[in-house]
Amino acid sequence: MGSNTGPQDERPAHQVAIAGFSIDRLPVTNAGFAEFLNAVGAVNKRGERLFDVDDPDARIHPKRGRWIVSEEFANHPVVEVPM
């Protein structure tokens, strides 16, 4: 995980062990996740953020009260969703 030559917040490259988990067969796209954010909001009932909009890699942005996808990334897998 990470990179020795990437952005500072990704350094250093290191191994990570994770427990088993479930994953969908198909990726969630930025367009699909923007629909989700527009339906439920960007913060859950516990006050936790569901999307890291402040990250420069984010492809979904708030605009006039709605979540809008950068058009060229609409069908790309969503990024910046905290775990």
PDB file of N, CA and C in Angstrom:
ATOM      1  N   MET A   1       0.859  -1.164   0.000  1.00  0.00           N
ATOM      2  CA  MET A   1       0.000   0.000   0.000  1.00  0.00           C
ATOM      3  C   MET A   1       0.903   1.225   0.000  1.00  0.00           C
ATOM      4  N   GLY A   2       0.441   2.302  -0.608  1.00  0.00           N
ATOM      5  CA  GLY A   2       1.213   3.525  -0.616  1.00  0.00           C
ATOM      6  C   GLY A   2       2.240   3.561  -1.724  1.00  0.00           C
ATOM      7  N   SER A   3       3.117   4.537  -1.639  1.00  0.00           N
ATOM      8  CA  SER A   3       4.123   4.751  -2.674  1.00  0.00           C
ATOM      9  C   SER A   3       5.323   5.455  -2.060  1.00  0.00           C
ATOM     10  N   ASN A   4       6.488   5.123  -2.528  1.00  0.00           N
ATOM     11  CA  ASN A   4       7.688   5.829  -2.077  1.00  0.00           C
ATOM     12  C   ASN A   4       7.925   7.101  -2.873  1.00  0.00           C
ATOM     13  N   THR A   5       7.245   7.236  -4.019  1.00  0.00           N
ATOM     14  CA  THR A   5       7.477   8.392  -4.882  1.00  0.00           C
ATOM     15  C   THR A   5       6.216   9.219  -5.127  1.00  0.00           C
ATOM     16  N   GLY A   6       5.093   8.814  -4.537  1.00  0.00           N
ATOM     17  CA  GLY A   6       3.834   9.519  -4.753  1.00  0.00           C
ATOM     18  C   GLY A   6       3.677  10.693  -3.809  1.00  0.00           C
ATOM     19  N   PRO A   7       2.438  11.178  -3.667  1.00  0.00           N
ATOM     20  CA  PRO A   7       2.167  12.283  -2.765  1.00  0.00           C
ATOM     21  C   PRO A   7       2.605  11.960  -1.333  1.00  0.00           C
ATOM     22  N   GLN A   8       2.907  12.991  -0.573  1.00  0.00           N
ATOM     23  CA  GLN A   8       3.424  12.812   0.789  1.00  0.00           C
ATOM     24  C   GLN A   8       2.496  11.964   1.651  1.00  0.00           C
ATOM     25  N   ASP A   9       1.168  12.131   1.493  1.00  0.00           N
ATOM     26  CA  ASP A   9       0.245  11.383   2.342  1.00  0.00           C
ATOM     27  C   ASP A   9       0.116   9.912   1.943  1.00  0.00           C
ATOM     28  N   GLU A  10       0.833   9.467   0.898  1.00  0.00           N
ATOM     29  CA  GLU A  10       0.833   8.062   0.490  1.00  0.00           C
ATOM     30  C   GLU A  10       2.150   7.365   0.824  1.00  0.00           C
ATOM     31  N   ARG A  11       3.088   8.076   1.433  1.00  0.00           N
ATOM     32  CA  ARG A  11       4.407   7.516   1.715  1.00  0.00           C
ATOM     33  C   ARG A  11       4.477   6.960   3.129  1.00  0.00           C
ATOM     34  N   PRO A  12       5.292   5.975   3.353  1.00  0.00           N
ATOM     35  CA  PRO A  12       6.054   5.155   2.426  1.00  0.00           C
ATOM     36  C   PRO A  12       5.215   3.964   1.952  1.00  0.00           C
ATOM     37  N   ALA A  13       5.692   3.282   0.932  1.00  0.00           N
ATOM     38  CA  ALA A  13       5.060   2.031   0.514  1.00  0.00           C
ATOM     39  C   ALA A  13       5.225   1.034   1.657  1.00  0.00           C
ATOM     40  N   HIS A  14       4.162   0.296   1.969  1.00  0.00           N
ATOM     41  CA  HIS A  14       4.235  -0.669   3.062  1.00  0.00           C
ATOM     42  C   HIS A  14       3.196  -1.764   2.867  1.00  0.00           C
ATOM     43  N   GLN A  15       3.439  -2.915   3.505  1.00  0.00           N
ATOM     44  CA  GLN A  15       2.490  -4.015   3.430  1.00  0.00           C
ATOM     45  C   GLN A  15       1.414  -3.834   4.489  1.00  0.00           C
ATOM     46  N   VAL A  16       0.195  -4.235   4.146  1.00  0.00           N
ATOM     47  CA  VAL A  16      -0.932  -4.144   5.060  1.00  0.00           C
ATOM     48  C   VAL A  16      -1.653  -5.480   5.031  1.00  0.00           C
ATOM     49  N   ALA A  17      -1.966  -6.020   6.195  1.00  0.00           N
ATOM     50  CA  ALA A  17      -2.762  -7.248   6.296  1.00  0.00           C
ATOM     51  C   ALA A  17      -4.190  -6.848   6.634  1.00  0.00           C
ATOM     52  N   ILE A  18      -5.144  -7.404   5.908  1.00  0.00           N
ATOM     53  CA  ILE A  18      -6.543  -7.090   6.178  1.00  0.00           C
ATOM     54  C   ILE A  18      -7.322  -8.385   6.376  1.00  0.00           C
ATOM     55  N   ALA A  19      -8.375  -8.309   7.146  1.00  0.00           N
ATOM     56  CA  ALA A  19      -9.262  -9.449   7.351  1.00  0.00           C
ATOM     57  C   ALA A  19     -10.110  -9.648   6.099  1.00  0.00           C
ATOM     58  N   GLY A  20     -10.717 -10.815   6.003  1.00  0.00           N
ATOM     59  CA  GLY A  20     -11.600 -11.096   4.879  1.00  0.00           C
ATOM     60  C   GLY A  20     -12.737 -10.088   4.811  1.00  0.00           C
ATOM     61  N   PHE A  21     -13.262  -9.835   3.614  1.00  0.00           N
ATOM     62  CA  PHE A  21     -14.341  -8.866   3.438  1.00  0.00           C
ATOM     63  C   PHE A  21     -15.133  -9.229   2.195  1.00  0.00           C
ATOM     64  N   SER A  22     -16.294  -8.629   2.067  1.00  0.00           N
ATOM     65  CA  SER A  22     -17.132  -8.812   0.884  1.00  0.00           C
ATOM     66  C   SER A  22     -16.952  -7.608  -0.020  1.00  0.00           C
ATOM     67  N   ILE A  23     -17.126  -7.838  -1.311  1.00  0.00           N
ATOM     68  CA  ILE A  23     -17.005  -6.756  -2.277  1.00  0.00           C
ATOM     69  C   ILE A  23     -17.976  -7.018  -3.431  1.00  0.00           C
ATOM     70  N   ASP A  24     -18.511  -5.958  -3.983  1.00  0.00           N
ATOM     71  CA  ASP A  24     -19.408  -6.119  -5.127  1.00  0.00           C
ATOM     72  C   ASP A  24     -18.645  -6.609  -6.341  1.00  0.00           C
ATOM     73  N   ARG A  25     -19.354  -7.217  -7.249  1.00  0.00           N
ATOM     74  CA  ARG A  25     -18.738  -7.696  -8.482  1.00  0.00           C
ATOM     75  C   ARG A  25     -18.491  -6.558  -9.457  1.00  0.00           C
ATOM     76  N   LEU A  26     -19.285  -5.517  -9.360  1.00  0.00           N
ATOM     77  CA  LEU A  26     -19.151  -4.381 -10.261  1.00  0.00           C
ATOM     78  C   LEU A  26     -18.794  -3.141  -9.448  1.00  0.00           C
ATOM     79  N   PRO A  27     -17.944  -2.281  -9.987  1.00  0.00           N
ATOM     80  CA  PRO A  27     -17.572  -1.078  -9.243  1.00  0.00           C
ATOM     81  C   PRO A  27     -18.725  -0.076  -9.165  1.00  0.00           C
ATOM     82  N   VAL A  28     -18.715   0.720  -8.123  1.00  0.00           N
ATOM     83  CA  VAL A  28     -19.644   1.843  -8.027  1.00  0.00           C
ATOM     84  C   VAL A  28     -18.997   3.000  -8.768  1.00  0.00           C
ATOM     85  N   THR A  29     -19.700   3.577  -9.708  1.00  0.00           N
ATOM     86  CA  THR A  29     -19.136   4.676 -10.487  1.00  0.00           C
ATOM     87  C   THR A  29     -19.298   5.998  -9.748  1.00  0.00           C
ATOM     88  N   ASN A  30     -18.538   6.985 -10.177  1.00  0.00           N
ATOM     89  CA  ASN A  30     -18.694   8.331  -9.635  1.00  0.00           C
ATOM     90  C   ASN A  30     -20.123   8.822  -9.846  1.00  0.00           C
ATOM     91  N   ALA A  31     -20.691   8.557 -11.010  1.00  0.00           N
ATOM     92  CA  ALA A  31     -22.065   8.994 -11.294  1.00  0.00           C
ATOM     93  C   ALA A  31     -23.043   8.336 -10.328  1.00  0.00           C
ATOM     94  N   GLY A  32     -22.885   7.040 -10.100  1.00  0.00           N
ATOM     95  CA  GLY A  32     -23.760   6.326  -9.174  1.00  0.00           C
ATOM     96  C   GLY A  32     -23.612   6.826  -7.750  1.00  0.00           C
ATOM     97  N   PHE A  33     -22.380   7.102  -7.332  1.00  0.00           N
ATOM     98  CA  PHE A  33     -22.166   7.576  -5.969  1.00  0.00           C
ATOM     99  C   PHE A  33     -22.685   8.997  -5.798  1.00  0.00           C
ATOM    100  N   ALA A  34     -22.598   9.814  -6.831  1.00  0.00           N
ATOM    101  CA  ALA A  34     -23.162  11.160  -6.767  1.00  0.00           C
ATOM    102  C   ALA A  34     -24.681  11.078  -6.573  1.00  0.00           C
ATOM    103  N   GLU A  35     -25.339  10.134  -7.237  1.00  0.00           N
ATOM    104  CA  GLU A  35     -26.779   9.936  -7.044  1.00  0.00           C
ATOM    105  C   GLU A  35     -27.060   9.580  -5.593  1.00  0.00           C
ATOM    106  N   PHE A  36     -26.236   8.689  -5.027  1.00  0.00           N
ATOM    107  CA  PHE A  36     -26.372   8.303  -3.629  1.00  0.00           C
ATOM    108  C   PHE A  36     -26.221   9.519  -2.716  1.00  0.00           C
ATOM    109  N   LEU A  37     -25.173  10.323  -2.931  1.00  0.00           N
ATOM    110  CA  LEU A  37     -24.952  11.507  -2.101  1.00  0.00           C
ATOM    111  C   LEU A  37     -26.119  12.485  -2.211  1.00  0.00           C
ATOM    112  N   ASN A  38     -26.664  12.643  -3.400  1.00  0.00           N
ATOM    113  CA  ASN A  38     -27.806  13.534  -3.584  1.00  0.00           C
ATOM    114  C   ASN A  38     -29.050  13.012  -2.878  1.00  0.00           C
ATOM    115  N   ALA A  39     -29.160  11.694  -2.732  1.00  0.00           N
ATOM    116  CA  ALA A  39     -30.327  11.100  -2.079  1.00  0.00           C
ATOM    117  C   ALA A  39     -30.217  11.110  -0.554  1.00  0.00           C
ATOM    118  N   VAL A  40     -29.016  10.816  -0.015  1.00  0.00           N
ATOM    119  CA  VAL A  40     -28.890  10.660   1.444  1.00  0.00           C
ATOM    120  C   VAL A  40     -28.009  11.702   2.113  1.00  0.00           C
ATOM    121  N   GLY A  41     -27.239  12.448   1.353  1.00  0.00           N
ATOM    122  CA  GLY A  41     -26.327  13.427   1.922  1.00  0.00           C
ATOM    123  C   GLY A  41     -24.928  12.854   2.094  1.00  0.00           C
ATOM    124  N   ALA A  42     -24.003  13.717   2.472  1.00  0.00           N
ATOM    125  CA  ALA A  42     -22.590  13.334   2.552  1.00  0.00           C
ATOM    126  C   ALA A  42     -22.135  12.988   3.964  1.00  0.00           C
ATOM    127  N   VAL A  43     -23.066  13.029   4.939  1.00  0.00           N
ATOM    128  CA  VAL A  43     -22.741  12.711   6.328  1.00  0.00           C
ATOM    129  C   VAL A  43     -23.806  11.751   6.851  1.00  0.00           C
ATOM    130  N   ASN A  44     -23.361  10.672   7.539  1.00  0.00           N
ATOM    131  CA  ASN A  44     -24.341   9.722   8.059  1.00  0.00           C
ATOM    132  C   ASN A  44     -24.899  10.183   9.403  1.00  0.00           C
ATOM    133  N   LYS A  45     -25.768   9.380  10.010  1.00  0.00           N
ATOM    134  CA  LYS A  45     -26.435   9.756  11.262  1.00  0.00           C
ATOM    135  C   LYS A  45     -25.472   9.879  12.431  1.00  0.00           C
ATOM    136  N   ARG A  46     -24.304   9.264  12.328  1.00  0.00           N
ATOM    137  CA  ARG A  46     -23.291   9.371  13.392  1.00  0.00           C
ATOM    138  C   ARG A  46     -22.366  10.564  13.170  1.00  0.00           C
ATOM    139  N   GLY A  47     -22.627  11.350  12.129  1.00  0.00           N
ATOM    140  CA  GLY A  47     -21.806  12.519  11.840  1.00  0.00           C
ATOM    141  C   GLY A  47     -20.541  12.206  11.068  1.00  0.00           C
ATOM    142  N   GLU A  48     -20.431  10.983  10.539  1.00  0.00           N
ATOM    143  CA  GLU A  48     -19.246  10.581   9.779  1.00  0.00           C
ATOM    144  C   GLU A  48     -19.410  10.963   8.313  1.00  0.00           C
ATOM    145  N   ARG A  49     -18.349  11.500   7.757  1.00  0.00           N
ATOM    146  CA  ARG A  49     -18.369  11.876   6.338  1.00  0.00           C
ATOM    147  C   ARG A  49     -18.358  10.622   5.466  1.00  0.00           C
ATOM    148  N   LEU A  50     -19.205  10.619   4.435  1.00  0.00           N
ATOM    149  CA  LEU A  50     -19.299   9.492   3.515  1.00  0.00           C
ATOM    150  C   LEU A  50     -18.450   9.689   2.268  1.00  0.00           C
ATOM    151  N   PHE A  51     -17.860  10.879   2.133  1.00  0.00           N
ATOM    152  CA  PHE A  51     -17.073  11.180   0.950  1.00  0.00           C
ATOM    153  C   PHE A  51     -16.050  12.249   1.310  1.00  0.00           C
ATOM    154  N   ASP A  52     -14.814  12.062   0.879  1.00  0.00           N
ATOM    155  CA  ASP A  52     -13.730  13.004   1.195  1.00  0.00           C
ATOM    156  C   ASP A  52     -13.597  14.036   0.069  1.00  0.00           C
ATOM    157  N   VAL A  53     -14.516  14.969   0.047  1.00  0.00           N
ATOM    158  CA  VAL A  53     -14.570  15.969  -1.020  1.00  0.00           C
ATOM    159  C   VAL A  53     -13.346  16.881  -1.008  1.00  0.00           C
ATOM    160  N   ASP A  54     -12.674  16.996   0.130  1.00  0.00           N
ATOM    161  CA  ASP A  54     -11.507  17.883   0.234  1.00  0.00           C
ATOM    162  C   ASP A  54     -10.257  17.324  -0.434  1.00  0.00           C
ATOM    163  N   ASP A  55     -10.258  16.031  -0.761  1.00  0.00           N
ATOM    164  CA  ASP A  55      -9.083  15.425  -1.384  1.00  0.00           C
ATOM    165  C   ASP A  55      -8.981  15.871  -2.838  1.00  0.00           C
ATOM    166  N   PRO A  56      -7.777  16.227  -3.301  1.00  0.00           N
ATOM    167  CA  PRO A  56      -7.630  16.682  -4.687  1.00  0.00           C
ATOM    168  C   PRO A  56      -7.967  15.609  -5.728  1.00  0.00           C
ATOM    169  N   ASP A  57      -8.007  14.335  -5.315  1.00  0.00           N
ATOM    170  CA  ASP A  57      -8.369  13.264  -6.249  1.00  0.00           C
ATOM    171  C   ASP A  57      -9.876  13.083  -6.381  1.00  0.00           C
ATOM    172  N   ALA A  58     -10.664  13.787  -5.585  1.00  0.00           N
ATOM    173  CA  ALA A  58     -12.122  13.656  -5.635  1.00  0.00           C
ATOM    174  C   ALA A  58     -12.640  14.025  -7.019  1.00  0.00           C
ATOM    175  N   ARG A  59     -13.592  13.251  -7.511  1.00  0.00           N
ATOM    176  CA  ARG A  59     -14.169  13.487  -8.841  1.00  0.00           C
ATOM    177  C   ARG A  59     -15.633  13.921  -8.758  1.00  0.00           C
ATOM    178  N   ILE A  60     -16.132  14.078  -7.528  1.00  0.00           N
ATOM    179  CA  ILE A  60     -17.500  14.522  -7.280  1.00  0.00           C
ATOM    180  C   ILE A  60     -17.396  15.775  -6.424  1.00  0.00           C
ATOM    181  N   HIS A  61     -18.147  16.816  -6.789  1.00  0.00           N
ATOM    182  CA  HIS A  61     -18.019  18.095  -6.094  1.00  0.00           C
ATOM    183  C   HIS A  61     -19.390  18.703  -5.831  1.00  0.00           C
ATOM    184  N   PRO A  62     -19.534  19.415  -4.693  1.00  0.00           N
ATOM    185  CA  PRO A  62     -20.809  20.105  -4.448  1.00  0.00           C
ATOM    186  C   PRO A  62     -20.929  21.339  -5.338  1.00  0.00           C
ATOM    187  N   LYS A  63     -22.105  21.518  -5.885  1.00  0.00           N
ATOM    188  CA  LYS A  63     -22.355  22.682  -6.736  1.00  0.00           C
ATOM    189  C   LYS A  63     -23.836  23.049  -6.619  1.00  0.00           C
ATOM    190  N   ARG A  64     -24.092  24.244  -6.089  1.00  0.00           N
ATOM    191  CA  ARG A  64     -25.463  24.744  -5.925  1.00  0.00           C
ATOM    192  C   ARG A  64     -26.383  23.740  -5.218  1.00  0.00           C
ATOM    193  N   GLY A  65     -25.886  23.156  -4.128  1.00  0.00           N
ATOM    194  CA  GLY A  65     -26.709  22.258  -3.323  1.00  0.00           C
ATOM    195  C   GLY A  65     -26.837  20.839  -3.841  1.00  0.00           C
ATOM    196  N   ARG A  66     -26.101  20.493  -4.887  1.00  0.00           N
ATOM    197  CA  ARG A  66     -26.152  19.131  -5.454  1.00  0.00           C
ATOM    198  C   ARG A  66     -24.729  18.615  -5.593  1.00  0.00           C
ATOM    199  N   TRP A  67     -24.587  17.305  -5.664  1.00  0.00           N
ATOM    200  CA  TRP A  67     -23.289  16.686  -5.927  1.00  0.00           C
ATOM    201  C   TRP A  67     -23.189  16.428  -7.413  1.00  0.00           C
ATOM    202  N   ILE A  68     -22.141  16.955  -8.039  1.00  0.00           N
ATOM    203  CA  ILE A  68     -21.946  16.897  -9.484  1.00  0.00           C
ATOM    204  C   ILE A  68     -20.636  16.161  -9.785  1.00  0.00           C
ATOM    205  N   VAL A  69     -20.677  15.290 -10.786  1.00  0.00           N
ATOM    206  CA  VAL A  69     -19.503  14.510 -11.191  1.00  0.00           C
ATOM    207  C   VAL A  69     -18.731  15.257 -12.269  1.00  0.00           C
ATOM    208  N   SER A  70     -17.402  15.221 -12.180  1.00  0.00           N
ATOM    209  CA  SER A  70     -16.578  15.707 -13.296  1.00  0.00           C
ATOM    210  C   SER A  70     -16.896  14.794 -14.473  1.00  0.00           C
ATOM    211  N   GLU A  71     -17.444  15.365 -15.525  1.00  0.00           N
ATOM    212  CA  GLU A  71     -18.012  14.585 -16.631  1.00  0.00           C
ATOM    213  C   GLU A  71     -17.081  13.504 -17.176  1.00  0.00           C
ATOM    214  N   GLU A  72     -15.793  13.814 -17.308  1.00  0.00           N
ATOM    215  CA  GLU A  72     -14.864  12.837 -17.886  1.00  0.00           C
ATOM    216  C   GLU A  72     -14.627  11.638 -16.968  1.00  0.00           C
ATOM    217  N   PHE A  73     -15.079  11.731 -15.698  1.00  0.00           N
ATOM    218  CA  PHE A  73     -14.891  10.637 -14.747  1.00  0.00           C
ATOM    219  C   PHE A  73     -16.214   9.994 -14.327  1.00  0.00           C
ATOM    220  N   ALA A  74     -17.301  10.303 -14.998  1.00  0.00           N
ATOM    221  CA  ALA A  74     -18.623   9.817 -14.599  1.00  0.00           C
ATOM    222  C   ALA A  74     -18.687   8.297 -14.503  1.00  0.00           C
ATOM    223  N   ASN A  75     -18.086   7.592 -15.443  1.00  0.00           N
ATOM    224  CA  ASN A  75     -18.169   6.131 -15.462  1.00  0.00           C
ATOM    225  C   ASN A  75     -16.948   5.446 -14.863  1.00  0.00           C
ATOM    226  N   HIS A  76     -16.079   6.208 -14.197  1.00  0.00           N
ATOM    227  CA  HIS A  76     -14.924   5.635 -13.521  1.00  0.00           C
ATOM    228  C   HIS A  76     -15.345   5.189 -12.120  1.00  0.00           C
ATOM    229  N   PRO A  77     -14.643   4.218 -11.532  1.00  0.00           N
ATOM    230  CA  PRO A  77     -14.961   3.813 -10.147  1.00  0.00           C
ATOM    231  C   PRO A  77     -14.787   4.989  -9.190  1.00  0.00           C
ATOM    232  N   VAL A  78     -15.682   5.096  -8.233  1.00  0.00           N
ATOM    233  CA  VAL A  78     -15.620   6.180  -7.244  1.00  0.00           C
ATOM    234  C   VAL A  78     -14.355   6.035  -6.386  1.00  0.00           C
ATOM    235  N   VAL A  79     -13.761   7.161  -6.038  1.00  0.00           N
ATOM    236  CA  VAL A  79     -12.616   7.214  -5.130  1.00  0.00           C
ATOM    237  C   VAL A  79     -12.939   8.181  -4.005  1.00  0.00           C
ATOM    238  N   GLU A  80     -12.164   8.160  -2.958  1.00  0.00           N
ATOM    239  CA  GLU A  80     -12.290   9.037  -1.794  1.00  0.00           C
ATOM    240  C   GLU A  80     -13.508   8.743  -0.939  1.00  0.00           C
ATOM    241  N   VAL A  81     -13.882   7.454  -0.880  1.00  0.00           N
ATOM    242  CA  VAL A  81     -14.932   7.021   0.026  1.00  0.00           C
ATOM    243  C   VAL A  81     -14.234   6.419   1.241  1.00  0.00           C
ATOM    244  N   PRO A  82     -14.351   7.046   2.419  1.00  0.00           N
ATOM    245  CA  PRO A  82     -13.652   6.520   3.595  1.00  0.00           C
ATOM    246  C   PRO A  82     -14.164   5.141   3.977  1.00  0.00           C
ATOM    247  N   MET A  83     -13.299   4.393   4.616  1.00  0.00           N
ATOM    248  CA  MET A  83     -13.710   3.059   5.069  1.00  0.00           C
ATOM    249  C   MET A  83     -14.027   3.071   6.541  1.00  0.00           C
TER     250      MET A  83
END
